[in-house]
Amino acid sequence: MADLEQQFLAASEAIKKLGERPDNDTLLKLYALYKQGSVGDVDGPKPGFFDFVGTAKYEAWAKLKGTARDAAQSKYIELVHSLGA
């Protein structure tokens, strides 16, 4: 488990060094997987109607509800590597 945690942290640093910014859908996936892998299930109220970015992030994360932390971390690592980081 510690090895997966280290890979997860390394991937979260590597993504910051990408030469090209991923598209918005990929960014939402990265955000949701990162939050699920680091925090767990989404918690708290959904952002207001006019907070479009906050709502999109919340909904992307909420779709992963129930996903195990280690599974989310593994998927995050795979996605980061697929982007060339």
PDB file of N, CA and C in Angstrom:
ATOM      1  N   MET A   1       0.825  -1.204   0.000  1.00  0.00           N
ATOM      2  CA  MET A   1       0.000   0.000   0.000  1.00  0.00           C
ATOM      3  C   MET A   1       0.864   1.262   0.000  1.00  0.00           C
ATOM      4  N   ALA A   2       1.939   1.225   0.774  1.00  0.00           N
ATOM      5  CA  ALA A   2       2.822   2.391   0.832  1.00  0.00           C
ATOM      6  C   ALA A   2       3.419   2.674  -0.543  1.00  0.00           C
ATOM      7  N   ASP A   3       3.710   1.598  -1.303  1.00  0.00           N
ATOM      8  CA  ASP A   3       4.268   1.771  -2.636  1.00  0.00           C
ATOM      9  C   ASP A   3       3.260   2.469  -3.553  1.00  0.00           C
ATOM     10  N   LEU A   4       2.005   2.076  -3.470  1.00  0.00           N
ATOM     11  CA  LEU A   4       0.955   2.710  -4.274  1.00  0.00           C
ATOM     12  C   LEU A   4       0.828   4.180  -3.885  1.00  0.00           C
ATOM     13  N   GLU A   5       0.871   4.463  -2.600  1.00  0.00           N
ATOM     14  CA  GLU A   5       0.782   5.837  -2.107  1.00  0.00           C
ATOM     15  C   GLU A   5       1.939   6.685  -2.659  1.00  0.00           C
ATOM     16  N   GLN A   6       3.128   6.115  -2.690  1.00  0.00           N
ATOM     17  CA  GLN A   6       4.295   6.826  -3.216  1.00  0.00           C
ATOM     18  C   GLN A   6       4.152   7.082  -4.717  1.00  0.00           C
ATOM     19  N   GLN A   7       3.657   6.090  -5.438  1.00  0.00           N
ATOM     20  CA  GLN A   7       3.431   6.256  -6.879  1.00  0.00           C
ATOM     21  C   GLN A   7       2.374   7.331  -7.136  1.00  0.00           C
ATOM     22  N   PHE A   8       1.341   7.342  -6.305  1.00  0.00           N
ATOM     23  CA  PHE A   8       0.260   8.323  -6.407  1.00  0.00           C
ATOM     24  C   PHE A   8       0.811   9.735  -6.203  1.00  0.00           C
ATOM     25  N   LEU A   9       1.620   9.908  -5.172  1.00  0.00           N
ATOM     26  CA  LEU A   9       2.215  11.214  -4.899  1.00  0.00           C
ATOM     27  C   LEU A   9       3.168  11.630  -6.013  1.00  0.00           C
ATOM     28  N   ALA A  10       3.936  10.668  -6.526  1.00  0.00           N
ATOM     29  CA  ALA A  10       4.858  10.962  -7.628  1.00  0.00           C
ATOM     30  C   ALA A  10       4.080  11.380  -8.875  1.00  0.00           C
ATOM     31  N   ALA A  11       2.964  10.712  -9.140  1.00  0.00           N
ATOM     32  CA  ALA A  11       2.134  11.050 -10.301  1.00  0.00           C
ATOM     33  C   ALA A  11       1.522  12.436 -10.142  1.00  0.00           C
ATOM     34  N   SER A  12       1.138  12.781  -8.909  1.00  0.00           N
ATOM     35  CA  SER A  12       0.547  14.101  -8.686  1.00  0.00           C
ATOM     36  C   SER A  12       1.576  15.217  -8.883  1.00  0.00           C
ATOM     37  N   GLU A  13       2.831  14.916  -8.681  1.00  0.00           N
ATOM     38  CA  GLU A  13       3.899  15.886  -8.957  1.00  0.00           C
ATOM     39  C   GLU A  13       4.237  15.903 -10.454  1.00  0.00           C
ATOM     40  N   ALA A  14       4.266  14.733 -11.060  1.00  0.00           N
ATOM     41  CA  ALA A  14       4.619  14.614 -12.479  1.00  0.00           C
ATOM     42  C   ALA A  14       3.611  15.338 -13.370  1.00  0.00           C
ATOM     43  N   ILE A  15       2.344  15.319 -12.983  1.00  0.00           N
ATOM     44  CA  ILE A  15       1.307  15.938 -13.820  1.00  0.00           C
ATOM     45  C   ILE A  15       1.516  17.448 -13.932  1.00  0.00           C
ATOM     46  N   LYS A  16       2.157  18.027 -12.935  1.00  0.00           N
ATOM     47  CA  LYS A  16       2.410  19.470 -12.941  1.00  0.00           C
ATOM     48  C   LYS A  16       3.459  19.859 -13.982  1.00  0.00           C
ATOM     49  N   LYS A  17       4.205  18.877 -14.470  1.00  0.00           N
ATOM     50  CA  LYS A  17       5.308  19.152 -15.389  1.00  0.00           C
ATOM     51  C   LYS A  17       4.994  18.787 -16.839  1.00  0.00           C
ATOM     52  N   LEU A  18       3.725  18.549 -17.120  1.00  0.00           N
ATOM     53  CA  LEU A  18       3.338  18.247 -18.501  1.00  0.00           C
ATOM     54  C   LEU A  18       3.650  19.426 -19.399  1.00  0.00           C
ATOM     55  N   GLY A  19       4.095  19.142 -20.607  1.00  0.00           N
ATOM     56  CA  GLY A  19       4.393  20.201 -21.552  1.00  0.00           C
ATOM     57  C   GLY A  19       3.148  20.857 -22.119  1.00  0.00           C
ATOM     58  N   GLU A  20       2.064  20.100 -22.165  1.00  0.00           N
ATOM     59  CA  GLU A  20       0.818  20.577 -22.769  1.00  0.00           C
ATOM     60  C   GLU A  20      -0.333  20.359 -21.797  1.00  0.00           C
ATOM     61  N   ARG A  21      -1.219  21.343 -21.700  1.00  0.00           N
ATOM     62  CA  ARG A  21      -2.365  21.253 -20.801  1.00  0.00           C
ATOM     63  C   ARG A  21      -3.391  20.278 -21.377  1.00  0.00           C
ATOM     64  N   PRO A  22      -3.831  19.301 -20.575  1.00  0.00           N
ATOM     65  CA  PRO A  22      -4.854  18.357 -21.049  1.00  0.00           C
ATOM     66  C   PRO A  22      -6.192  19.070 -21.292  1.00  0.00           C
ATOM     67  N   ASP A  23      -7.064  18.430 -22.064  1.00  0.00           N
ATOM     68  CA  ASP A  23      -8.389  19.005 -22.318  1.00  0.00           C
ATOM     69  C   ASP A  23      -9.213  18.999 -21.030  1.00  0.00           C
ATOM     70  N   ASN A  24     -10.307  19.728 -21.026  1.00  0.00           N
ATOM     71  CA  ASN A  24     -11.118  19.892 -19.816  1.00  0.00           C
ATOM     72  C   ASN A  24     -11.679  18.582 -19.275  1.00  0.00           C
ATOM     73  N   ASP A  25     -12.100  17.674 -20.163  1.00  0.00           N
ATOM     74  CA  ASP A  25     -12.621  16.382 -19.705  1.00  0.00           C
ATOM     75  C   ASP A  25     -11.547  15.594 -18.954  1.00  0.00           C
ATOM     76  N   THR A  26     -10.348  15.614 -19.488  1.00  0.00           N
ATOM     77  CA  THR A  26      -9.242  14.909 -18.839  1.00  0.00           C
ATOM     78  C   THR A  26      -8.899  15.568 -17.509  1.00  0.00           C
ATOM     79  N   LEU A  27      -8.926  16.892 -17.480  1.00  0.00           N
ATOM     80  CA  LEU A  27      -8.656  17.599 -16.225  1.00  0.00           C
ATOM     81  C   LEU A  27      -9.685  17.236 -15.152  1.00  0.00           C
ATOM     82  N   LEU A  28     -10.949  17.116 -15.555  1.00  0.00           N
ATOM     83  CA  LEU A  28     -11.985  16.721 -14.605  1.00  0.00           C
ATOM     84  C   LEU A  28     -11.753  15.301 -14.087  1.00  0.00           C
ATOM     85  N   LYS A  29     -11.353  14.395 -14.976  1.00  0.00           N
ATOM     86  CA  LYS A  29     -11.051  13.024 -14.560  1.00  0.00           C
ATOM     87  C   LYS A  29      -9.887  13.008 -13.582  1.00  0.00           C
ATOM     88  N   LEU A  30      -8.849  13.772 -13.907  1.00  0.00           N
ATOM     89  CA  LEU A  30      -7.692  13.854 -13.019  1.00  0.00           C
ATOM     90  C   LEU A  30      -8.096  14.383 -11.644  1.00  0.00           C
ATOM     91  N   TYR A  31      -8.882  15.447 -11.645  1.00  0.00           N
ATOM     92  CA  TYR A  31      -9.340  16.045 -10.391  1.00  0.00           C
ATOM     93  C   TYR A  31     -10.128  15.041  -9.557  1.00  0.00           C
ATOM     94  N   ALA A  32     -11.106  14.413 -10.203  1.00  0.00           N
ATOM     95  CA  ALA A  32     -11.977  13.482  -9.490  1.00  0.00           C
ATOM     96  C   ALA A  32     -11.196  12.286  -8.938  1.00  0.00           C
ATOM     97  N   LEU A  33     -10.326  11.716  -9.752  1.00  0.00           N
ATOM     98  CA  LEU A  33      -9.533  10.575  -9.291  1.00  0.00           C
ATOM     99  C   LEU A  33      -8.578  10.973  -8.169  1.00  0.00           C
ATOM    100  N   TYR A  34      -8.004  12.165  -8.287  1.00  0.00           N
ATOM    101  CA  TYR A  34      -7.102  12.637  -7.238  1.00  0.00           C
ATOM    102  C   TYR A  34      -7.859  12.812  -5.922  1.00  0.00           C
ATOM    103  N   LYS A  35      -9.005  13.462  -5.981  1.00  0.00           N
ATOM    104  CA  LYS A  35      -9.784  13.698  -4.759  1.00  0.00           C
ATOM    105  C   LYS A  35     -10.274  12.378  -4.157  1.00  0.00           C
ATOM    106  N   GLN A  36     -10.743  11.463  -4.999  1.00  0.00           N
ATOM    107  CA  GLN A  36     -11.220  10.170  -4.501  1.00  0.00           C
ATOM    108  C   GLN A  36     -10.055   9.389  -3.900  1.00  0.00           C
ATOM    109  N   GLY A  37      -8.885   9.468  -4.517  1.00  0.00           N
ATOM    110  CA  GLY A  37      -7.711   8.744  -4.038  1.00  0.00           C
ATOM    111  C   GLY A  37      -7.078   9.352  -2.812  1.00  0.00           C
ATOM    112  N   SER A  38      -7.294  10.633  -2.583  1.00  0.00           N
ATOM    113  CA  SER A  38      -6.671  11.278  -1.433  1.00  0.00           C
ATOM    114  C   SER A  38      -7.641  11.552  -0.289  1.00  0.00           C
ATOM    115  N   VAL A  39      -8.902  11.869  -0.611  1.00  0.00           N
ATOM    116  CA  VAL A  39      -9.880  12.230   0.415  1.00  0.00           C
ATOM    117  C   VAL A  39     -10.922  11.133   0.630  1.00  0.00           C
ATOM    118  N   GLY A  40     -11.353  10.519  -0.458  1.00  0.00           N
ATOM    119  CA  GLY A  40     -12.431   9.532  -0.388  1.00  0.00           C
ATOM    120  C   GLY A  40     -13.677  10.100  -1.038  1.00  0.00           C
ATOM    121  N   ASP A  41     -14.827   9.593  -0.642  1.00  0.00           N
ATOM    122  CA  ASP A  41     -16.097  10.025  -1.243  1.00  0.00           C
ATOM    123  C   ASP A  41     -16.335  11.515  -1.050  1.00  0.00           C
ATOM    124  N   VAL A  42     -17.006  12.100  -2.044  1.00  0.00           N
ATOM    125  CA  VAL A  42     -17.341  13.523  -2.002  1.00  0.00           C
ATOM    126  C   VAL A  42     -18.185  13.811  -0.760  1.00  0.00           C
ATOM    127  N   ASP A  43     -17.936  14.976  -0.180  1.00  0.00           N
ATOM    128  CA  ASP A  43     -18.637  15.362   1.036  1.00  0.00           C
ATOM    129  C   ASP A  43     -18.968  16.846   0.945  1.00  0.00           C
ATOM    130  N   GLY A  44     -20.015  17.244   1.588  1.00  0.00           N
ATOM    131  CA  GLY A  44     -20.386  18.654   1.604  1.00  0.00           C
ATOM    132  C   GLY A  44     -21.413  18.979   0.551  1.00  0.00           C
ATOM    133  N   PRO A  45     -21.904  20.198   0.609  1.00  0.00           N
ATOM    134  CA  PRO A  45     -22.952  20.610  -0.337  1.00  0.00           C
ATOM    135  C   PRO A  45     -22.399  20.853  -1.735  1.00  0.00           C
ATOM    136  N   LYS A  46     -23.254  20.637  -2.706  1.00  0.00           N
ATOM    137  CA  LYS A  46     -22.909  20.905  -4.104  1.00  0.00           C
ATOM    138  C   LYS A  46     -22.807  22.417  -4.285  1.00  0.00           C
ATOM    139  N   PRO A  47     -21.803  22.891  -5.034  1.00  0.00           N
ATOM    140  CA  PRO A  47     -21.678  24.334  -5.274  1.00  0.00           C
ATOM    141  C   PRO A  47     -22.929  24.912  -5.938  1.00  0.00           C
ATOM    142  N   GLY A  48     -23.081  26.208  -5.824  1.00  0.00           N
ATOM    143  CA  GLY A  48     -24.235  26.900  -6.377  1.00  0.00           C
ATOM    144  C   GLY A  48     -24.336  26.788  -7.886  1.00  0.00           C
ATOM    145  N   PHE A  49     -25.505  27.077  -8.389  1.00  0.00           N
ATOM    146  CA  PHE A  49     -25.822  26.935  -9.809  1.00  0.00           C
ATOM    147  C   PHE A  49     -24.866  27.718 -10.710  1.00  0.00           C
ATOM    148  N   PHE A  50     -24.472  28.901 -10.298  1.00  0.00           N
ATOM    149  CA  PHE A  50     -23.633  29.747 -11.152  1.00  0.00           C
ATOM    150  C   PHE A  50     -22.148  29.475 -11.004  1.00  0.00           C
ATOM    151  N   ASP A  51     -21.783  28.554 -10.124  1.00  0.00           N
ATOM    152  CA  ASP A  51     -20.378  28.142  -9.985  1.00  0.00           C
ATOM    153  C   ASP A  51     -20.186  26.942 -10.919  1.00  0.00           C
ATOM    154  N   PHE A  52     -20.031  27.234 -12.206  1.00  0.00           N
ATOM    155  CA  PHE A  52     -19.978  26.179 -13.221  1.00  0.00           C
ATOM    156  C   PHE A  52     -18.786  25.247 -13.040  1.00  0.00           C
ATOM    157  N   VAL A  53     -17.618  25.810 -12.768  1.00  0.00           N
ATOM    158  CA  VAL A  53     -16.419  24.992 -12.590  1.00  0.00           C
ATOM    159  C   VAL A  53     -16.538  24.146 -11.330  1.00  0.00           C
ATOM    160  N   GLY A  54     -16.959  24.766 -10.242  1.00  0.00           N
ATOM    161  CA  GLY A  54     -17.128  24.040  -8.985  1.00  0.00           C
ATOM    162  C   GLY A  54     -18.144  22.918  -9.098  1.00  0.00           C
ATOM    163  N   THR A  55     -19.229  23.181  -9.801  1.00  0.00           N
ATOM    164  CA  THR A  55     -20.264  22.165 -10.004  1.00  0.00           C
ATOM    165  C   THR A  55     -19.734  21.012 -10.848  1.00  0.00           C
ATOM    166  N   ALA A  56     -18.997  21.328 -11.912  1.00  0.00           N
ATOM    167  CA  ALA A  56     -18.433  20.274 -12.766  1.00  0.00           C
ATOM    168  C   ALA A  56     -17.470  19.403 -11.976  1.00  0.00           C
ATOM    169  N   LYS A  57     -16.630  20.019 -11.155  1.00  0.00           N
ATOM    170  CA  LYS A  57     -15.687  19.264 -10.334  1.00  0.00           C
ATOM    171  C   LYS A  57     -16.429  18.379  -9.332  1.00  0.00           C
ATOM    172  N   TYR A  58     -17.422  18.955  -8.679  1.00  0.00           N
ATOM    173  CA  TYR A  58     -18.204  18.215  -7.687  1.00  0.00           C
ATOM    174  C   TYR A  58     -18.877  17.003  -8.323  1.00  0.00           C
ATOM    175  N   GLU A  59     -19.495  17.213  -9.482  1.00  0.00           N
ATOM    176  CA  GLU A  59     -20.203  16.121 -10.147  1.00  0.00           C
ATOM    177  C   GLU A  59     -19.253  15.037 -10.638  1.00  0.00           C
ATOM    178  N   ALA A  60     -18.081  15.433 -11.136  1.00  0.00           N
ATOM    179  CA  ALA A  60     -17.093  14.442 -11.584  1.00  0.00           C
ATOM    180  C   ALA A  60     -16.634  13.595 -10.408  1.00  0.00           C
ATOM    181  N   TRP A  61     -16.400  14.234  -9.279  1.00  0.00           N
ATOM    182  CA  TRP A  61     -15.959  13.523  -8.079  1.00  0.00           C
ATOM    183  C   TRP A  61     -17.089  12.642  -7.544  1.00  0.00           C
ATOM    184  N   ALA A  62     -18.324  13.152  -7.549  1.00  0.00           N
ATOM    185  CA  ALA A  62     -19.472  12.401  -7.031  1.00  0.00           C
ATOM    186  C   ALA A  62     -19.709  11.114  -7.821  1.00  0.00           C
ATOM    187  N   LYS A  63     -19.363  11.111  -9.123  1.00  0.00           N
ATOM    188  CA  LYS A  63     -19.527   9.900  -9.942  1.00  0.00           C
ATOM    189  C   LYS A  63     -18.649   8.755  -9.446  1.00  0.00           C
ATOM    190  N   LEU A  64     -17.605   9.077  -8.714  1.00  0.00           N
ATOM    191  CA  LEU A  64     -16.681   8.048  -8.213  1.00  0.00           C
ATOM    192  C   LEU A  64     -17.050   7.565  -6.811  1.00  0.00           C
ATOM    193  N   LYS A  65     -18.168   8.027  -6.288  1.00  0.00           N
ATOM    194  CA  LYS A  65     -18.574   7.644  -4.938  1.00  0.00           C
ATOM    195  C   LYS A  65     -18.609   6.130  -4.809  1.00  0.00           C
ATOM    196  N   GLY A  66     -17.991   5.634  -3.762  1.00  0.00           N
ATOM    197  CA  GLY A  66     -17.941   4.199  -3.526  1.00  0.00           C
ATOM    198  C   GLY A  66     -16.699   3.531  -4.096  1.00  0.00           C
ATOM    199  N   THR A  67     -15.934   4.242  -4.922  1.00  0.00           N
ATOM    200  CA  THR A  67     -14.694   3.693  -5.478  1.00  0.00           C
ATOM    201  C   THR A  67     -13.651   3.636  -4.370  1.00  0.00           C
ATOM    202  N   ALA A  68     -13.012   2.496  -4.241  1.00  0.00           N
ATOM    203  CA  ALA A  68     -11.987   2.332  -3.207  1.00  0.00           C
ATOM    204  C   ALA A  68     -10.831   3.293  -3.452  1.00  0.00           C
ATOM    205  N   ARG A  69     -10.234   3.735  -2.374  1.00  0.00           N
ATOM    206  CA  ARG A  69      -9.132   4.691  -2.456  1.00  0.00           C
ATOM    207  C   ARG A  69      -7.982   4.164  -3.318  1.00  0.00           C
ATOM    208  N   ASP A  70      -7.595   2.915  -3.100  1.00  0.00           N
ATOM    209  CA  ASP A  70      -6.472   2.361  -3.864  1.00  0.00           C
ATOM    210  C   ASP A  70      -6.821   2.192  -5.345  1.00  0.00           C
ATOM    211  N   ALA A  71      -8.082   1.893  -5.642  1.00  0.00           N
ATOM    212  CA  ALA A  71      -8.508   1.785  -7.042  1.00  0.00           C
ATOM    213  C   ALA A  71      -8.444   3.154  -7.727  1.00  0.00           C
ATOM    214  N   ALA A  72      -8.880   4.196  -7.025  1.00  0.00           N
ATOM    215  CA  ALA A  72      -8.824   5.549  -7.582  1.00  0.00           C
ATOM    216  C   ALA A  72      -7.373   5.980  -7.785  1.00  0.00           C
ATOM    217  N   GLN A  73      -6.515   5.643  -6.840  1.00  0.00           N
ATOM    218  CA  GLN A  73      -5.103   5.991  -6.968  1.00  0.00           C
ATOM    219  C   GLN A  73      -4.483   5.288  -8.171  1.00  0.00           C
ATOM    220  N   SER A  74      -4.798   4.019  -8.355  1.00  0.00           N
ATOM    221  CA  SER A  74      -4.267   3.261  -9.494  1.00  0.00           C
ATOM    222  C   SER A  74      -4.727   3.862 -10.820  1.00  0.00           C
ATOM    223  N   LYS A  75      -6.014   4.207 -10.908  1.00  0.00           N
ATOM    224  CA  LYS A  75      -6.545   4.803 -12.137  1.00  0.00           C
ATOM    225  C   LYS A  75      -5.916   6.171 -12.395  1.00  0.00           C
ATOM    226  N   TYR A  76      -5.682   6.928 -11.332  1.00  0.00           N
ATOM    227  CA  TYR A  76      -5.041   8.241 -11.466  1.00  0.00           C
ATOM    228  C   TYR A  76      -3.624   8.071 -12.030  1.00  0.00           C
ATOM    229  N   ILE A  77      -2.878   7.138 -11.467  1.00  0.00           N
ATOM    230  CA  ILE A  77      -1.499   6.873 -11.918  1.00  0.00           C
ATOM    231  C   ILE A  77      -1.504   6.473 -13.390  1.00  0.00           C
ATOM    232  N   GLU A  78      -2.408   5.577 -13.782  1.00  0.00           N
ATOM    233  CA  GLU A  78      -2.517   5.140 -15.179  1.00  0.00           C
ATOM    234  C   GLU A  78      -2.822   6.317 -16.101  1.00  0.00           C
ATOM    235  N   LEU A  79      -3.751   7.173 -15.697  1.00  0.00           N
ATOM    236  CA  LEU A  79      -4.129   8.320 -16.525  1.00  0.00           C
ATOM    237  C   LEU A  79      -2.970   9.299 -16.669  1.00  0.00           C
ATOM    238  N   VAL A  80      -2.265   9.559 -15.591  1.00  0.00           N
ATOM    239  CA  VAL A  80      -1.105  10.460 -15.640  1.00  0.00           C
ATOM    240  C   VAL A  80      -0.051   9.905 -16.579  1.00  0.00           C
ATOM    241  N   HIS A  81       0.229   8.611 -16.467  1.00  0.00           N
ATOM    242  CA  HIS A  81       1.232   7.992 -17.349  1.00  0.00           C
ATOM    243  C   HIS A  81       0.787   8.006 -18.812  1.00  0.00           C
ATOM    244  N   SER A  82      -0.514   7.852 -19.044  1.00  0.00           N
ATOM    245  CA  SER A  82      -1.011   7.862 -20.429  1.00  0.00           C
ATOM    246  C   SER A  82      -0.867   9.244 -21.067  1.00  0.00           C
ATOM    247  N   LEU A  83      -0.757  10.270 -20.229  1.00  0.00           N
ATOM    248  CA  LEU A  83      -0.577  11.634 -20.732  1.00  0.00           C
ATOM    249  C   LEU A  83       0.894  11.964 -20.967  1.00  0.00           C
ATOM    250  N   GLY A  84       1.768  11.016 -20.671  1.00  0.00           N
ATOM    251  CA  GLY A  84       3.182  11.208 -20.916  1.00  0.00           C
ATOM    252  C   GLY A  84       3.956  11.821 -19.768  1.00  0.00           C
ATOM    253  N   ALA A  85       3.350  11.854 -18.603  1.00  0.00           N
ATOM    254  CA  ALA A  85       4.048  12.404 -17.431  1.00  0.00           C
ATOM    255  C   ALA A  85       4.800  11.320 -16.696  1.00  0.00           C
TER     256      ALA A  85
END
